[in-house]
Amino acid sequence: MARRSILLALLLAAIGSGCAPEDPYSPDRARQRDGARFEERLRSEQARGDELAPPAAEADSAPAYAASRASLEPERVLRAFCAQWANWSYRTIDRQQRRLAELSTPALAGELAPGAAQRALDSTLKRDRFAVRGEVVATDLRAGDDRRSAVCVTREEELDNGRDPLGDGAHRVYFARLLRTGARWTIGAWQPQP
């Protein structure tokens, strides 16, 4: 009887101290055991065959424009800048930056350059084949002689591996200030809205 009492006391002490038998099929135990291996396997697996998304196009998805003609009218320069802003891929960042610089003041081009350089060096953009595809939905310009404030609205899709993971995209709003120098209009300020 004394042995049974001792064994029962030891068993109760073990259960009370957290040494109870573990369920090998519990989600927490499986997550701990397989979590790191599962995430590593996901990162290392490459898509095969028809699972592979089409690569981002080397050609631009932004509408073509002639910078010299676009800059003659404020509406055209705003639409051209907005379309270039909303259309880029990891392959076309440099081209997009050059085109934005053509349509903007030197000061704004200087402000935008570090962000473009950072995106160009970001290896995750290439790994995920990231791209943004958009269209200009609406623009609104206030009247003015040499300065005009404006709003541009786009509908943009962020593409990962050639696919839009979230669905139908989202509308984005941008505030702009246009400046005229002689006969040429340029974008002097560009503010993406949250």
C-alpha atoms as a PDB file:
ATOM      1  CA  MET A   1       0.000   0.000   0.000  1.00  0.00           C
ATOM      2  CA  ALA A   2       2.862   2.349   0.763  1.00  0.00           C
ATOM      3  CA  ARG A   3       4.325   1.728  -2.696  1.00  0.00           C
ATOM      4  CA  ARG A   4       1.031   2.583  -4.351  1.00  0.00           C
ATOM      5  CA  SER A   5       0.804   5.771  -2.362  1.00  0.00           C
ATOM      6  CA  ILE A   6       4.339   6.754  -3.330  1.00  0.00           C
ATOM      7  CA  LEU A   7       3.749   5.967  -7.032  1.00  0.00           C
ATOM      8  CA  LEU A   8       0.455   7.875  -6.984  1.00  0.00           C
ATOM      9  CA  ALA A   9       2.153  10.856  -5.319  1.00  0.00           C
ATOM     10  CA  LEU A  10       4.973  10.810  -7.877  1.00  0.00           C
ATOM     11  CA  LEU A  11       2.476  10.599 -10.737  1.00  0.00           C
ATOM     12  CA  LEU A  12       0.457  13.516  -9.358  1.00  0.00           C
ATOM     13  CA  ALA A  13       3.647  15.541  -8.850  1.00  0.00           C
ATOM     14  CA  ALA A  14       4.748  14.883 -12.433  1.00  0.00           C
ATOM     15  CA  ILE A  15       1.363  15.908 -13.797  1.00  0.00           C
ATOM     16  CA  GLY A  16       1.325  19.006 -11.644  1.00  0.00           C
ATOM     17  CA  SER A  17       4.802  20.079 -12.778  1.00  0.00           C
ATOM     18  CA  GLY A  18       3.939  19.969 -16.472  1.00  0.00           C
ATOM     19  CA  CYS A  19       5.471  16.628 -17.339  1.00  0.00           C
ATOM     20  CA  ALA A  20       2.213  15.225 -18.595  1.00  0.00           C
ATOM     21  CA  PRO A  21       2.384  13.126 -21.741  1.00  0.00           C
ATOM     22  CA  GLU A  22       2.159  15.342 -24.855  1.00  0.00           C
ATOM     23  CA  ASP A  23      -0.253  14.730 -27.667  1.00  0.00           C
ATOM     24  CA  PRO A  24       1.989  14.170 -30.727  1.00  0.00           C
ATOM     25  CA  TYR A  25      -0.823  15.328 -33.008  1.00  0.00           C
ATOM     26  CA  SER A  26      -1.506  18.636 -31.288  1.00  0.00           C
ATOM     27  CA  PRO A  27      -1.309  21.626 -33.649  1.00  0.00           C
ATOM     28  CA  ASP A  28       1.187  23.417 -31.380  1.00  0.00           C
ATOM     29  CA  ARG A  29       3.599  20.476 -31.344  1.00  0.00           C
ATOM     30  CA  ALA A  30       3.332  19.963 -35.101  1.00  0.00           C
ATOM     31  CA  ARG A  31       3.853  23.684 -35.722  1.00  0.00           C
ATOM     32  CA  GLN A  32       6.965  23.701 -33.549  1.00  0.00           C
ATOM     33  CA  ARG A  33       8.360  20.550 -35.134  1.00  0.00           C
ATOM     34  CA  ASP A  34       7.532  21.323 -38.756  1.00  0.00           C
ATOM     35  CA  GLY A  35       7.281  25.139 -38.793  1.00  0.00           C
ATOM     36  CA  ALA A  36      10.850  25.958 -39.726  1.00  0.00           C
ATOM     37  CA  ARG A  37      11.152  23.077 -42.196  1.00  0.00           C
ATOM     38  CA  PHE A  38       7.817  23.932 -43.843  1.00  0.00           C
ATOM     39  CA  GLU A  39       8.704  27.614 -44.309  1.00  0.00           C
ATOM     40  CA  GLU A  40      12.134  26.719 -45.659  1.00  0.00           C
ATOM     41  CA  ARG A  41      10.581  24.246 -48.102  1.00  0.00           C
ATOM     42  CA  LEU A  42       8.109  26.892 -49.307  1.00  0.00           C
ATOM     43  CA  ARG A  43      10.942  29.339 -49.962  1.00  0.00           C
ATOM     44  CA  SER A  44      13.113  26.811 -51.755  1.00  0.00           C
ATOM     45  CA  GLU A  45      10.460  25.206 -53.957  1.00  0.00           C
ATOM     46  CA  GLN A  46      10.280  26.600 -57.449  1.00  0.00           C
ATOM     47  CA  ALA A  47       7.060  26.557 -59.408  1.00  0.00           C
ATOM     48  CA  ARG A  48       7.086  23.998 -62.189  1.00  0.00           C
ATOM     49  CA  GLY A  49       5.319  23.641 -65.516  1.00  0.00           C
ATOM     50  CA  ASP A  50       1.949  25.322 -65.679  1.00  0.00           C
ATOM     51  CA  GLU A  51       2.322  26.560 -62.093  1.00  0.00           C
ATOM     52  CA  LEU A  52       4.957  29.024 -63.277  1.00  0.00           C
ATOM     53  CA  ALA A  53       3.533  32.490 -63.717  1.00  0.00           C
ATOM     54  CA  PRO A  54       4.336  34.337 -66.897  1.00  0.00           C
ATOM     55  CA  PRO A  55       7.362  36.592 -66.466  1.00  0.00           C
ATOM     56  CA  ALA A  56       6.835  40.320 -66.247  1.00  0.00           C
ATOM     57  CA  ALA A  57       7.061  41.879 -69.652  1.00  0.00           C
ATOM     58  CA  GLU A  58      10.210  43.708 -70.602  1.00  0.00           C
ATOM     59  CA  ALA A  59       8.031  46.157 -72.521  1.00  0.00           C
ATOM     60  CA  ASP A  60       6.325  48.875 -70.531  1.00  0.00           C
ATOM     61  CA  SER A  61       2.655  48.571 -69.708  1.00  0.00           C
ATOM     62  CA  ALA A  62       2.363  52.376 -69.524  1.00  0.00           C
ATOM     63  CA  PRO A  63       0.910  54.079 -72.575  1.00  0.00           C
ATOM     64  CA  ALA A  64       3.478  55.558 -74.928  1.00  0.00           C
ATOM     65  CA  TYR A  65       3.890  59.328 -75.037  1.00  0.00           C
ATOM     66  CA  ALA A  66       6.113  61.899 -76.634  1.00  0.00           C
ATOM     67  CA  ALA A  67       7.622  63.994 -73.841  1.00  0.00           C
ATOM     68  CA  SER A  68       8.005  67.054 -76.027  1.00  0.00           C
ATOM     69  CA  ARG A  69       4.314  67.058 -77.026  1.00  0.00           C
ATOM     70  CA  ALA A  70       3.021  65.949 -73.608  1.00  0.00           C
ATOM     71  CA  SER A  71       4.710  68.860 -71.878  1.00  0.00           C
ATOM     72  CA  LEU A  72       2.907  71.472 -73.986  1.00  0.00           C
ATOM     73  CA  GLU A  73      -0.430  71.005 -72.204  1.00  0.00           C
ATOM     74  CA  PRO A  74      -0.887  70.609 -68.428  1.00  0.00           C
ATOM     75  CA  GLU A  75      -3.549  67.885 -68.778  1.00  0.00           C
ATOM     76  CA  ARG A  76      -1.311  65.800 -71.035  1.00  0.00           C
ATOM     77  CA  VAL A  77       1.766  66.087 -68.814  1.00  0.00           C
ATOM     78  CA  LEU A  78      -0.307  65.147 -65.758  1.00  0.00           C
ATOM     79  CA  ARG A  79      -1.803  62.089 -67.481  1.00  0.00           C
ATOM     80  CA  ALA A  80       1.580  60.998 -68.865  1.00  0.00           C
ATOM     81  CA  PHE A  81       3.288  61.328 -65.457  1.00  0.00           C
ATOM     82  CA  CYS A  82       0.448  59.565 -63.669  1.00  0.00           C
ATOM     83  CA  ALA A  83       0.435  56.686 -66.193  1.00  0.00           C
ATOM     84  CA  GLN A  84       4.202  56.248 -65.908  1.00  0.00           C
ATOM     85  CA  TRP A  85       3.987  56.295 -62.099  1.00  0.00           C
ATOM     86  CA  ALA A  86       1.299  53.586 -62.068  1.00  0.00           C
ATOM     87  CA  ASN A  87       3.023  51.199 -64.502  1.00  0.00           C
ATOM     88  CA  TRP A  88       6.355  49.570 -63.761  1.00  0.00           C
ATOM     89  CA  SER A  89       7.960  46.228 -63.094  1.00  0.00           C
ATOM     90  CA  TYR A  90      11.204  45.091 -61.590  1.00  0.00           C
ATOM     91  CA  ARG A  91      12.594  45.112 -65.146  1.00  0.00           C
ATOM     92  CA  THR A  92      11.461  48.630 -66.086  1.00  0.00           C
ATOM     93  CA  ILE A  93      12.288  50.699 -62.980  1.00  0.00           C
ATOM     94  CA  ASP A  94      15.179  52.502 -64.681  1.00  0.00           C
ATOM     95  CA  ARG A  95      13.115  53.371 -67.756  1.00  0.00           C
ATOM     96  CA  GLN A  96      10.216  54.530 -65.611  1.00  0.00           C
ATOM     97  CA  GLN A  97      12.518  56.809 -63.626  1.00  0.00           C
ATOM     98  CA  ARG A  98      13.965  58.370 -66.781  1.00  0.00           C
ATOM     99  CA  ARG A  99      10.478  59.045 -68.114  1.00  0.00           C
ATOM    100  CA  LEU A 100       9.308  60.562 -64.825  1.00  0.00           C
ATOM    101  CA  ALA A 101      12.396  62.784 -64.845  1.00  0.00           C
ATOM    102  CA  GLU A 102      11.562  63.969 -68.397  1.00  0.00           C
ATOM    103  CA  LEU A 103       8.147  65.128 -67.191  1.00  0.00           C
ATOM    104  CA  SER A 104       9.215  66.706 -63.902  1.00  0.00           C
ATOM    105  CA  THR A 105      11.303  69.579 -62.625  1.00  0.00           C
ATOM    106  CA  PRO A 106      14.951  68.819 -61.796  1.00  0.00           C
ATOM    107  CA  ALA A 107      14.144  69.216 -58.088  1.00  0.00           C
ATOM    108  CA  LEU A 108      11.361  66.604 -58.199  1.00  0.00           C
ATOM    109  CA  ALA A 109      13.488  64.262 -60.321  1.00  0.00           C
ATOM    110  CA  GLY A 110      16.163  64.506 -57.625  1.00  0.00           C
ATOM    111  CA  GLU A 111      13.607  63.675 -54.905  1.00  0.00           C
ATOM    112  CA  LEU A 112      12.300  60.625 -56.774  1.00  0.00           C
ATOM    113  CA  ALA A 113      15.698  59.190 -57.774  1.00  0.00           C
ATOM    114  CA  PRO A 114      16.682  57.637 -54.390  1.00  0.00           C
ATOM    115  CA  GLY A 115      13.400  55.716 -54.156  1.00  0.00           C
ATOM    116  CA  ALA A 116      13.839  54.365 -57.679  1.00  0.00           C
ATOM    117  CA  ALA A 117      17.460  53.421 -56.968  1.00  0.00           C
ATOM    118  CA  GLN A 118      16.378  51.587 -53.830  1.00  0.00           C
ATOM    119  CA  ARG A 119      13.700  49.660 -55.760  1.00  0.00           C
ATOM    120  CA  ALA A 120      16.220  48.780 -58.482  1.00  0.00           C
ATOM    121  CA  LEU A 121      18.549  47.248 -55.855  1.00  0.00           C
ATOM    122  CA  ASP A 122      15.764  45.412 -53.995  1.00  0.00           C
ATOM    123  CA  SER A 123      16.350  41.720 -54.771  1.00  0.00           C
ATOM    124  CA  THR A 124      12.896  40.729 -53.499  1.00  0.00           C
ATOM    125  CA  LEU A 125      11.279  42.629 -56.388  1.00  0.00           C
ATOM    126  CA  LYS A 126      13.168  40.460 -58.865  1.00  0.00           C
ATOM    127  CA  ARG A 127      12.635  37.269 -56.877  1.00  0.00           C
ATOM    128  CA  ASP A 128       8.880  37.868 -56.676  1.00  0.00           C
ATOM    129  CA  ARG A 129       8.762  39.345 -60.202  1.00  0.00           C
ATOM    130  CA  PHE A 130       6.907  42.327 -58.752  1.00  0.00           C
ATOM    131  CA  ALA A 131       5.095  44.770 -60.993  1.00  0.00           C
ATOM    132  CA  VAL A 132       2.424  47.457 -60.773  1.00  0.00           C
ATOM    133  CA  ARG A 133      -0.061  47.873 -63.584  1.00  0.00           C
ATOM    134  CA  GLY A 134      -2.483  50.771 -63.605  1.00  0.00           C
ATOM    135  CA  GLU A 135      -4.671  53.068 -65.606  1.00  0.00           C
ATOM    136  CA  VAL A 136      -5.552  56.718 -65.136  1.00  0.00           C
ATOM    137  CA  VAL A 137      -9.184  56.906 -64.052  1.00  0.00           C
ATOM    138  CA  ALA A 138      -9.600  60.667 -63.563  1.00  0.00           C
ATOM    139  CA  THR A 139      -7.697  63.920 -63.385  1.00  0.00           C
ATOM    140  CA  ASP A 140      -8.684  67.353 -62.150  1.00  0.00           C
ATOM    141  CA  LEU A 141      -6.701  70.543 -62.699  1.00  0.00           C
ATOM    142  CA  ARG A 142      -7.260  73.926 -61.119  1.00  0.00           C
ATOM    143  CA  ALA A 143      -6.900  76.935 -63.378  1.00  0.00           C
ATOM    144  CA  GLY A 144      -3.756  79.021 -63.160  1.00  0.00           C
ATOM    145  CA  ASP A 145      -1.296  80.847 -65.365  1.00  0.00           C
ATOM    146  CA  ASP A 146       2.095  79.413 -64.396  1.00  0.00           C
ATOM    147  CA  ARG A 147       1.144  77.113 -61.501  1.00  0.00           C
ATOM    148  CA  ARG A 148      -1.666  74.618 -61.220  1.00  0.00           C
ATOM    149  CA  SER A 149      -2.622  72.162 -58.545  1.00  0.00           C
ATOM    150  CA  ALA A 150      -4.043  68.861 -59.691  1.00  0.00           C
ATOM    151  CA  VAL A 151      -5.405  65.506 -58.582  1.00  0.00           C
ATOM    152  CA  CYS A 152      -4.875  62.228 -60.407  1.00  0.00           C
ATOM    153  CA  VAL A 153      -6.761  59.016 -59.616  1.00  0.00           C
ATOM    154  CA  THR A 154      -5.553  55.623 -60.845  1.00  0.00           C
ATOM    155  CA  ARG A 155      -6.709  52.046 -60.532  1.00  0.00           C
ATOM    156  CA  GLU A 156      -3.621  49.921 -59.832  1.00  0.00           C
ATOM    157  CA  GLU A 157      -2.894  46.230 -59.432  1.00  0.00           C
ATOM    158  CA  GLU A 158       0.196  44.990 -57.639  1.00  0.00           C
ATOM    159  CA  LEU A 159       1.392  41.820 -59.333  1.00  0.00           C
ATOM    160  CA  ASP A 160       3.432  39.125 -57.616  1.00  0.00           C
ATOM    161  CA  ASN A 161       4.806  36.487 -59.988  1.00  0.00           C
ATOM    162  CA  GLY A 162       2.569  37.838 -62.728  1.00  0.00           C
ATOM    163  CA  ARG A 163      -0.601  37.491 -60.640  1.00  0.00           C
ATOM    164  CA  ASP A 164      -2.658  39.948 -58.609  1.00  0.00           C
ATOM    165  CA  PRO A 165      -2.848  38.208 -55.207  1.00  0.00           C
ATOM    166  CA  LEU A 166      -5.537  40.498 -53.817  1.00  0.00           C
ATOM    167  CA  GLY A 167      -7.953  40.604 -56.737  1.00  0.00           C
ATOM    168  CA  ASP A 168      -9.256  43.650 -58.543  1.00  0.00           C
ATOM    169  CA  GLY A 169      -6.648  46.214 -57.546  1.00  0.00           C
ATOM    170  CA  ALA A 170      -7.213  49.475 -55.738  1.00  0.00           C
ATOM    171  CA  HIS A 171      -7.771  53.128 -56.522  1.00  0.00           C
ATOM    172  CA  ARG A 172      -4.932  55.476 -55.655  1.00  0.00           C
ATOM    173  CA  VAL A 173      -5.017  59.261 -55.352  1.00  0.00           C
ATOM    174  CA  TYR A 174      -2.099  61.603 -56.060  1.00  0.00           C
ATOM    175  CA  PHE A 175      -1.813  65.347 -55.523  1.00  0.00           C
ATOM    176  CA  ALA A 176       0.385  67.235 -57.969  1.00  0.00           C
ATOM    177  CA  ARG A 177       1.616  70.741 -58.656  1.00  0.00           C
ATOM    178  CA  LEU A 178       2.350  71.695 -62.245  1.00  0.00           C
ATOM    179  CA  LEU A 179       4.691  74.511 -63.215  1.00  0.00           C
ATOM    180  CA  ARG A 180       5.086  76.274 -66.550  1.00  0.00           C
ATOM    181  CA  THR A 181       8.458  77.417 -67.802  1.00  0.00           C
ATOM    182  CA  GLY A 182       8.017  79.149 -71.135  1.00  0.00           C
ATOM    183  CA  ALA A 183       5.759  76.934 -73.219  1.00  0.00           C
ATOM    184  CA  ARG A 184       6.629  73.755 -71.294  1.00  0.00           C
ATOM    185  CA  TRP A 185       4.658  72.300 -68.362  1.00  0.00           C
ATOM    186  CA  THR A 186       6.343  70.032 -65.787  1.00  0.00           C
ATOM    187  CA  ILE A 187       5.364  68.270 -62.587  1.00  0.00           C
ATOM    188  CA  GLY A 188       6.893  70.204 -59.689  1.00  0.00           C
ATOM    189  CA  ALA A 189       5.438  68.236 -56.768  1.00  0.00           C
ATOM    190  CA  TRP A 190       3.951  64.738 -56.471  1.00  0.00           C
ATOM    191  CA  GLN A 191       2.298  63.436 -53.311  1.00  0.00           C
ATOM    192  CA  PRO A 192       0.832  59.919 -53.127  1.00  0.00           C
ATOM    193  CA  GLN A 193      -2.073  59.906 -50.672  1.00  0.00           C
ATOM    194  CA  PRO A 194      -2.552  57.163 -48.075  1.00  0.00           C
END
